[in-house]
N, C-alpha and C. Protein backbone atom coordinates (compact mmCIF):
# COMPACT_ATOMS: atom_id res chain seq x y z
N MET A 1 17.51 4.29 16.88
CA MET A 1 16.66 4.49 16.12
C MET A 1 15.83 3.33 15.03
N ALA A 2 14.65 2.68 15.21
CA ALA A 2 14.18 1.87 14.43
C ALA A 2 13.78 2.48 13.93
N HIS A 3 13.87 2.08 12.40
CA HIS A 3 13.48 2.20 10.88
C HIS A 3 11.85 1.49 10.86
N HIS A 4 10.95 2.69 10.30
CA HIS A 4 9.95 1.03 9.87
C HIS A 4 9.49 1.54 8.66
N PHE A 5 8.18 0.67 8.38
CA PHE A 5 8.02 0.84 6.99
C PHE A 5 7.33 2.23 6.14
N SER A 6 6.59 2.97 7.19
CA SER A 6 6.30 4.44 6.99
C SER A 6 6.89 5.17 6.15
N GLU A 7 8.64 4.98 6.64
CA GLU A 7 9.37 5.43 6.15
C GLU A 7 9.49 5.48 4.55
N THR A 8 9.16 4.17 3.80
CA THR A 8 9.38 3.23 2.37
C THR A 8 8.43 4.44 1.47
N PRO A 9 7.23 5.38 1.71
CA PRO A 9 7.41 6.21 0.72
C PRO A 9 7.80 7.84 0.80
N ASN A 10 8.69 8.27 1.33
CA ASN A 10 9.84 8.82 1.66
C ASN A 10 10.82 8.90 0.40
N PHE A 11 11.38 7.18 0.99
CA PHE A 11 12.85 6.70 0.53
C PHE A 11 12.12 6.09 -0.80
N ARG A 12 10.83 6.10 -1.54
CA ARG A 12 10.57 6.38 -3.05
C ARG A 12 10.77 7.42 -3.80
N SER A 13 10.35 8.59 -2.86
CA SER A 13 10.44 9.94 -3.59
C SER A 13 12.08 10.25 -3.54
N ALA A 14 12.36 10.37 -2.60
CA ALA A 14 13.53 10.79 -2.55
C ALA A 14 14.63 10.16 -3.64
N PHE A 15 14.06 8.74 -3.89
CA PHE A 15 15.09 8.10 -5.11
C PHE A 15 14.76 7.84 -5.90
N HIS A 16 13.91 8.87 -6.22
CA HIS A 16 12.68 8.32 -7.78
C HIS A 16 12.47 6.52 -7.68
N ASP A 17 11.60 6.46 -7.31
CA ASP A 17 11.01 5.18 -6.86
C ASP A 17 11.97 4.51 -7.09
N PHE A 18 13.33 4.23 -6.80
CA PHE A 18 14.41 3.48 -7.02
C PHE A 18 14.86 3.02 -8.12
N ASP A 19 14.93 4.02 -9.22
CA ASP A 19 15.45 4.01 -10.29
C ASP A 19 16.58 3.74 -10.57
N PHE A 20 17.29 2.74 -10.68
CA PHE A 20 18.67 3.40 -10.15
C PHE A 20 19.31 4.05 -11.43
N ASP A 21 19.31 3.55 -12.57
CA ASP A 21 19.30 5.13 -13.40
C ASP A 21 19.69 6.18 -12.87
N ARG A 22 18.21 7.26 -12.75
CA ARG A 22 17.72 7.96 -12.21
C ARG A 22 19.35 8.02 -10.94
N VAL A 23 19.44 7.29 -9.94
CA VAL A 23 19.60 7.81 -9.40
C VAL A 23 20.83 7.59 -9.41
N SER A 24 22.13 6.79 -9.71
CA SER A 24 23.03 6.55 -10.36
C SER A 24 24.18 8.45 -10.62
N GLN A 25 22.78 9.13 -10.91
CA GLN A 25 22.97 10.52 -11.89
C GLN A 25 23.15 11.29 -10.69
N PHE A 26 22.92 10.96 -9.23
CA PHE A 26 23.19 12.08 -8.58
C PHE A 26 24.46 12.91 -8.44
N THR A 27 24.53 13.91 -7.85
CA THR A 27 25.10 14.46 -7.78
C THR A 27 26.02 14.53 -6.11
N GLN A 28 27.45 15.32 -5.85
CA GLN A 28 27.03 15.93 -4.46
C GLN A 28 26.00 17.03 -3.84
N GLY A 29 25.47 17.84 -4.90
CA GLY A 29 24.92 18.37 -4.59
C GLY A 29 23.15 18.04 -3.87
N ASP A 30 23.08 16.46 -4.62
CA ASP A 30 21.90 15.72 -4.62
C ASP A 30 22.15 15.24 -2.77
N VAL A 31 23.24 14.78 -2.89
CA VAL A 31 23.55 14.05 -1.00
C VAL A 31 23.25 15.13 -0.48
N GLU A 32 23.73 16.71 -0.89
CA GLU A 32 23.61 17.27 0.49
C GLU A 32 21.89 18.36 0.29
N ARG A 33 21.63 17.75 -0.51
CA ARG A 33 19.92 17.64 -0.15
C ARG A 33 18.97 16.97 0.34
N LEU A 34 19.43 15.59 0.16
CA LEU A 34 19.11 14.55 1.13
C LEU A 34 19.41 14.31 2.27
N LEU A 35 20.31 15.44 2.64
CA LEU A 35 21.17 14.89 4.00
C LEU A 35 20.21 16.11 4.60
N GLU A 36 19.34 17.05 4.01
CA GLU A 36 18.01 17.67 4.63
C GLU A 36 16.75 17.16 4.95
N ASN A 37 16.87 15.85 4.06
CA ASN A 37 15.35 15.83 3.87
C ASN A 37 14.70 14.58 5.07
N ASP A 38 14.22 15.30 5.94
CA ASP A 38 13.93 14.89 7.63
C ASP A 38 13.07 13.52 7.79
N GLY A 39 12.63 13.33 6.42
CA GLY A 39 11.43 12.06 6.04
C GLY A 39 12.96 10.75 5.82
N ILE A 40 14.51 10.65 5.32
CA ILE A 40 14.79 9.23 5.24
C ILE A 40 15.51 9.78 6.63
N VAL A 41 16.47 8.42 6.33
CA VAL A 41 17.82 8.63 7.49
C VAL A 41 19.01 9.32 6.88
N ARG A 42 18.99 10.42 8.09
CA ARG A 42 19.81 11.18 7.08
C ARG A 42 21.59 10.65 7.52
N HIS A 43 22.19 10.39 6.67
CA HIS A 43 23.68 8.90 7.14
C HIS A 43 24.30 9.32 5.61
N ARG A 44 25.35 10.54 5.62
CA ARG A 44 25.55 10.69 4.61
C ARG A 44 26.76 9.59 3.78
N GLY A 45 27.04 8.40 4.75
CA GLY A 45 27.68 7.09 3.75
C GLY A 45 27.13 6.68 3.51
N LYS A 46 25.36 6.12 4.35
CA LYS A 46 24.21 5.22 3.43
C LYS A 46 23.33 6.05 2.57
N ILE A 47 23.38 7.50 1.75
CA ILE A 47 22.36 8.08 0.90
C ILE A 47 24.48 7.94 0.03
N GLU A 48 25.16 8.36 0.09
CA GLU A 48 26.59 8.66 -0.75
C GLU A 48 26.20 6.68 -0.93
N ALA A 49 26.08 5.37 -0.17
CA ALA A 49 26.63 4.24 -0.81
C ALA A 49 24.93 4.32 -2.00
N VAL A 50 23.75 4.36 -1.43
CA VAL A 50 22.64 4.52 -2.38
C VAL A 50 23.18 4.58 -3.63
N ILE A 51 23.51 6.21 -3.98
CA ILE A 51 24.37 6.49 -5.48
C ILE A 51 25.01 5.47 -5.75
N ASN A 52 25.99 4.91 -5.27
CA ASN A 52 27.28 3.77 -5.57
C ASN A 52 26.41 2.71 -6.01
N ASN A 53 25.63 2.40 -5.06
CA ASN A 53 24.96 1.27 -6.01
C ASN A 53 24.60 1.35 -6.78
N ALA A 54 23.68 2.02 -7.40
CA ALA A 54 23.40 2.48 -8.47
C ALA A 54 23.99 2.50 -9.74
N ARG A 55 25.52 2.66 -9.14
CA ARG A 55 26.13 2.40 -9.81
C ARG A 55 26.48 1.04 -10.41
N ARG A 56 26.90 0.48 -9.10
CA ARG A 56 27.26 -0.82 -9.20
C ARG A 56 26.59 -1.60 -9.68
N VAL A 57 24.89 -0.96 -9.53
CA VAL A 57 24.11 -2.28 -10.52
C VAL A 57 23.54 -2.47 -12.13
N GLN A 58 24.26 -1.37 -12.58
CA GLN A 58 24.44 -0.66 -13.88
C GLN A 58 25.40 -1.67 -14.54
N GLU A 59 26.75 -1.76 -13.53
CA GLU A 59 27.38 -2.52 -13.78
C GLU A 59 27.30 -4.44 -13.76
N LEU A 60 26.65 -4.46 -12.97
CA LEU A 60 26.63 -5.73 -12.85
C LEU A 60 25.30 -6.40 -13.80
N ILE A 61 24.76 -5.19 -14.19
CA ILE A 61 23.57 -5.72 -15.51
C ILE A 61 24.25 -5.94 -16.13
N LYS A 62 25.49 -5.22 -16.66
CA LYS A 62 25.92 -5.37 -17.92
C LYS A 62 26.88 -6.51 -18.20
N GLN A 63 27.01 -6.76 -16.86
CA GLN A 63 28.42 -8.43 -16.95
C GLN A 63 27.48 -9.74 -16.83
N GLU A 64 26.15 -9.50 -16.10
CA GLU A 64 25.27 -10.57 -15.94
C GLU A 64 23.96 -10.18 -16.47
N GLY A 65 23.80 -9.83 -17.12
CA GLY A 65 22.49 -9.67 -17.58
C GLY A 65 20.68 -8.97 -17.11
N SER A 66 21.05 -9.56 -16.44
CA SER A 66 19.77 -8.26 -15.24
C SER A 66 20.36 -8.63 -13.29
N LEU A 67 19.96 -8.05 -12.86
CA LEU A 67 20.32 -7.54 -11.10
C LEU A 67 19.55 -9.50 -10.75
N ALA A 68 18.16 -9.48 -11.36
CA ALA A 68 17.28 -11.05 -10.72
C ALA A 68 18.26 -11.88 -11.20
N ALA A 69 18.45 -11.93 -12.02
CA ALA A 69 18.99 -13.28 -12.30
C ALA A 69 20.13 -13.54 -11.55
N PHE A 70 20.82 -12.93 -11.41
CA PHE A 70 22.18 -12.37 -10.79
C PHE A 70 21.63 -13.03 -8.98
N VAL A 71 20.99 -12.35 -8.80
CA VAL A 71 20.49 -12.74 -7.16
C VAL A 71 19.82 -13.94 -7.23
N TRP A 72 18.96 -14.04 -8.16
CA TRP A 72 18.31 -15.45 -7.90
C TRP A 72 19.02 -17.22 -8.46
N GLN A 73 20.33 -16.11 -8.34
CA GLN A 73 21.70 -17.81 -8.06
C GLN A 73 21.37 -17.65 -6.64
N TYR A 74 21.47 -16.94 -6.22
CA TYR A 74 21.67 -17.16 -4.52
C TYR A 74 20.51 -17.76 -3.39
N GLU A 75 19.92 -18.57 -4.39
CA GLU A 75 18.31 -19.05 -3.89
C GLU A 75 18.80 -20.61 -2.62
N PRO A 76 18.23 -19.99 -1.55
CA PRO A 76 18.53 -21.75 -0.73
C PRO A 76 18.24 -22.73 -1.38
N ASP A 77 18.89 -23.61 -1.07
CA ASP A 77 18.55 -25.15 -1.30
C ASP A 77 16.38 -25.07 -0.59
N LYS A 78 15.49 -26.17 -1.72
CA LYS A 78 14.22 -25.91 -1.22
C LYS A 78 14.12 -26.23 0.46
N SER A 79 14.69 -27.38 0.52
CA SER A 79 14.79 -28.14 1.85
C SER A 79 15.34 -27.17 3.19
N LYS A 80 16.19 -25.88 3.08
CA LYS A 80 16.12 -24.83 3.70
C LYS A 80 15.13 -23.96 3.75
N LEU A 81 13.70 -23.73 3.05
CA LEU A 81 13.27 -22.60 2.91
C LEU A 81 12.03 -23.87 4.15
N ALA A 82 12.16 -24.55 4.09
CA ALA A 82 10.87 -25.45 4.43
C ALA A 82 10.04 -25.18 6.65
N LYS A 83 12.11 -24.87 7.19
CA LYS A 83 11.59 -24.09 7.81
C LYS A 83 11.60 -22.66 8.68
N PRO A 84 11.00 -22.52 9.70
CA PRO A 84 11.02 -20.24 9.49
C PRO A 84 11.68 -20.45 10.41
N GLN A 85 13.28 -19.28 10.01
CA GLN A 85 14.43 -19.09 11.19
C GLN A 85 13.85 -17.80 11.83
N THR A 86 15.27 -17.78 12.77
CA THR A 86 14.94 -17.13 13.51
C THR A 86 16.14 -15.87 13.34
N VAL A 87 16.91 -16.40 12.60
CA VAL A 87 18.23 -15.93 12.47
C VAL A 87 18.13 -14.78 11.49
N SER A 88 19.08 -13.57 11.13
CA SER A 88 19.03 -12.58 9.62
C SER A 88 20.17 -12.41 8.67
N THR A 89 20.50 -13.53 8.66
CA THR A 89 21.91 -14.15 8.22
C THR A 89 21.69 -15.29 7.45
N SER A 90 22.19 -16.16 5.88
CA SER A 90 22.68 -17.26 5.89
C SER A 90 23.90 -17.34 5.10
N ALA A 91 23.79 -18.69 5.06
CA ALA A 91 24.94 -19.50 4.24
C ALA A 91 24.98 -18.72 2.57
N GLU A 92 23.73 -17.90 1.73
CA GLU A 92 23.48 -17.51 1.15
C GLU A 92 23.82 -15.98 1.15
N SER A 93 23.18 -15.53 1.98
CA SER A 93 22.97 -14.16 2.07
C SER A 93 24.59 -13.61 2.33
N ILE A 94 25.35 -14.55 3.14
CA ILE A 94 26.69 -13.99 3.27
C ILE A 94 27.53 -14.17 2.07
N ALA A 95 27.11 -14.79 1.06
CA ALA A 95 27.59 -14.99 0.26
C ALA A 95 27.24 -13.99 -0.96
N LEU A 96 25.75 -13.88 -1.05
CA LEU A 96 25.72 -12.74 -2.14
C LEU A 96 26.21 -11.21 -1.48
N SER A 97 26.76 -11.54 0.06
CA SER A 97 27.13 -9.72 0.40
C SER A 97 28.39 -9.67 0.09
N LYS A 98 29.12 -10.93 0.52
CA LYS A 98 30.45 -10.79 -0.19
C LYS A 98 30.84 -10.56 -1.55
N GLU A 99 30.15 -11.16 -2.12
CA GLU A 99 30.21 -10.93 -3.98
C GLU A 99 30.49 -9.65 -4.20
N LEU A 100 28.78 -8.98 -3.75
CA LEU A 100 28.52 -7.19 -3.94
C LEU A 100 29.45 -6.57 -3.31
N LYS A 101 30.13 -6.42 -1.81
CA LYS A 101 30.95 -6.06 -1.60
C LYS A 101 32.36 -6.50 -2.27
N LYS A 102 32.54 -7.65 -3.54
CA LYS A 102 34.17 -7.82 -3.98
C LYS A 102 33.49 -6.67 -5.32
N ARG A 103 32.67 -6.16 -5.75
CA ARG A 103 32.07 -5.69 -7.00
C ARG A 103 31.52 -4.48 -6.78
N GLY A 104 32.42 -3.79 -5.02
CA GLY A 104 32.14 -2.38 -5.26
C GLY A 104 31.23 -1.63 -3.94
N TRP A 105 30.17 -2.81 -4.06
CA TRP A 105 29.33 -2.16 -3.16
C TRP A 105 29.07 -1.36 -2.24
N LYS A 106 28.55 -1.22 -1.57
CA LYS A 106 28.41 -0.52 0.40
C LYS A 106 27.24 -0.65 1.27
N PHE A 107 27.15 -1.27 2.28
CA PHE A 107 26.39 -0.87 3.68
C PHE A 107 25.28 -2.47 2.55
N VAL A 108 26.28 -3.53 2.41
CA VAL A 108 25.36 -4.56 1.93
C VAL A 108 25.77 -5.56 2.65
N GLY A 109 25.72 -5.71 4.39
CA GLY A 109 26.37 -6.71 5.28
C GLY A 109 25.47 -7.90 4.45
N PRO A 110 25.64 -9.27 5.27
CA PRO A 110 24.67 -10.23 5.25
C PRO A 110 23.46 -10.41 6.06
N THR A 111 23.13 -9.28 6.81
CA THR A 111 21.63 -9.12 7.34
C THR A 111 21.20 -8.11 6.46
N THR A 112 21.42 -7.33 5.28
CA THR A 112 21.12 -6.53 4.64
C THR A 112 20.74 -7.50 3.03
N ALA A 113 21.66 -8.34 3.02
CA ALA A 113 21.22 -9.00 2.01
C ALA A 113 19.90 -10.06 2.60
N TYR A 114 19.87 -10.36 3.13
CA TYR A 114 19.16 -11.75 3.76
C TYR A 114 17.92 -11.18 3.29
N ALA A 115 17.61 -9.54 4.32
CA ALA A 115 16.04 -9.02 4.14
C ALA A 115 16.09 -8.61 2.49
N PHE A 116 16.84 -8.54 1.73
CA PHE A 116 16.46 -8.39 0.46
C PHE A 116 16.28 -9.57 -0.43
N MET A 117 16.47 -10.53 -0.06
CA MET A 117 16.12 -12.18 -0.34
C MET A 117 14.97 -12.28 0.52
N GLN A 118 14.57 -11.76 0.79
CA GLN A 118 13.13 -12.38 2.00
C GLN A 118 12.20 -11.03 1.52
N ALA A 119 12.69 -9.69 0.66
CA ALA A 119 11.97 -8.81 -0.13
C ALA A 119 11.32 -9.61 -1.01
N MET A 120 12.08 -10.13 -1.96
CA MET A 120 12.65 -10.57 -3.62
C MET A 120 12.10 -12.11 -3.45
N GLY A 121 11.74 -12.88 -2.00
CA GLY A 121 10.96 -14.11 -2.40
C GLY A 121 11.73 -15.48 -2.37
N LEU A 122 13.10 -14.88 -2.19
CA LEU A 122 14.24 -15.89 -2.53
C LEU A 122 14.56 -16.71 -0.72
N ILE A 123 13.60 -16.07 0.07
CA ILE A 123 13.70 -16.86 1.97
C ILE A 123 12.22 -16.75 2.10
N ASN A 124 11.47 -17.48 2.41
CA ASN A 124 10.64 -17.63 3.41
C ASN A 124 10.52 -18.36 4.77
N ASP A 125 10.67 -17.33 5.51
CA ASP A 125 10.73 -17.51 6.79
C ASP A 125 10.20 -17.21 8.04
N HIS A 126 8.66 -16.94 7.13
CA HIS A 126 7.50 -16.87 8.47
C HIS A 126 7.16 -17.83 9.55
N VAL A 127 6.48 -18.11 10.27
CA VAL A 127 6.55 -19.10 10.46
C VAL A 127 4.60 -20.18 10.29
N GLU A 128 5.39 -21.34 10.46
CA GLU A 128 4.11 -21.71 10.30
C GLU A 128 3.21 -21.07 10.70
N GLY A 129 1.41 -21.69 9.83
CA GLY A 129 0.35 -20.89 9.81
C GLY A 129 0.06 -19.54 9.67
N CYS A 130 1.19 -19.19 9.50
CA CYS A 130 1.40 -17.22 9.00
C CYS A 130 0.35 -17.40 7.40
N VAL A 131 -0.42 -16.18 7.50
CA VAL A 131 -1.15 -16.24 6.33
C VAL A 131 0.04 -15.80 5.65
N ILE A 132 0.49 -14.81 5.49
CA ILE A 132 2.03 -14.67 5.02
C ILE A 132 2.59 -15.49 4.47
N ARG A 133 3.84 -16.77 4.61
CA ARG A 133 3.83 -17.93 4.42
C ARG A 133 3.40 -18.48 3.24
N ALA A 134 2.55 -19.01 3.64
CA ALA A 134 1.43 -19.32 2.88
C ALA A 134 1.04 -18.88 1.38
N ARG A 135 0.70 -17.30 1.07
CA ARG A 135 1.00 -16.69 -0.12
C ARG A 135 2.64 -16.26 -0.61
N VAL A 136 3.54 -16.08 0.67
CA VAL A 136 4.89 -16.30 -0.26
C VAL A 136 4.93 -18.00 -0.72
N GLU A 137 4.13 -19.08 0.02
CA GLU A 137 4.97 -19.73 -1.06
C GLU A 137 4.57 -20.54 -1.90
N HIS A 138 3.15 -19.52 -2.29
CA HIS A 138 1.86 -19.53 -3.22
C HIS A 138 2.53 -18.60 -4.46
N ALA A 139 3.34 -17.42 -3.98
CA ALA A 139 4.00 -16.50 -5.46
C ALA A 139 5.06 -17.62 -6.05
N ARG A 140 6.13 -18.17 -4.69
CA ARG A 140 7.06 -19.13 -5.31
C ARG A 140 6.97 -20.39 -6.41
N ALA A 141 5.88 -20.84 -5.67
CA ALA A 141 5.34 -22.58 -6.50
C ALA A 141 5.51 -22.14 -8.33
N THR A 142 4.22 -20.38 -7.55
CA THR A 142 4.28 -19.91 -9.86
C THR A 142 5.07 -19.09 -10.14
N PHE A 143 6.37 -19.20 -9.43
CA PHE A 143 6.75 -17.83 -10.27
C PHE A 143 8.22 -18.21 -10.49
N LYS A 144 8.81 -17.44 -11.79
CA LYS A 144 9.30 -18.11 -13.10
C LYS A 144 10.73 -17.47 -12.51
N ARG A 145 11.99 -18.04 -12.70
CA ARG A 145 12.69 -17.97 -11.52
C ARG A 145 13.51 -17.06 -13.30
N PRO A 146 13.64 -15.97 -13.30
CA PRO A 146 14.75 -15.44 -13.79
C PRO A 146 16.30 -16.47 -14.43
N ALA A 147 16.33 -16.07 -16.29
CA ALA A 147 17.53 -17.26 -16.13
C ALA A 147 18.77 -16.21 -16.44
């Protein structure tokens, strides 16, 4: 079953607007409650992974200063951003995935890491002439990378 962006409000609600400090406090009771929520993917392993990853992001912030600064270390070279891609992974998403897994994160394979990098603006693989590609390029040009 394909999942669509329309599910995002359900996920936002179920996981407190993705507030990792709140999600990190979820208990087994919260897992059971979420397994009954038909507005989200009801997969025990994935729900438990969200809670685990919320705890791991807290550790990462203590070690690295911020999640954004950590992730932006994996920004591809500009020459790799010029061409739209038809793939769902990259050398950088593979490296990010490996590092997160090493730090105890779950369900963060290279494809998930690639999608996260797209969402954060590290990758712009929209086709030439796409209005979104132009918007992303403008945003990237004016964005101050976290230190």
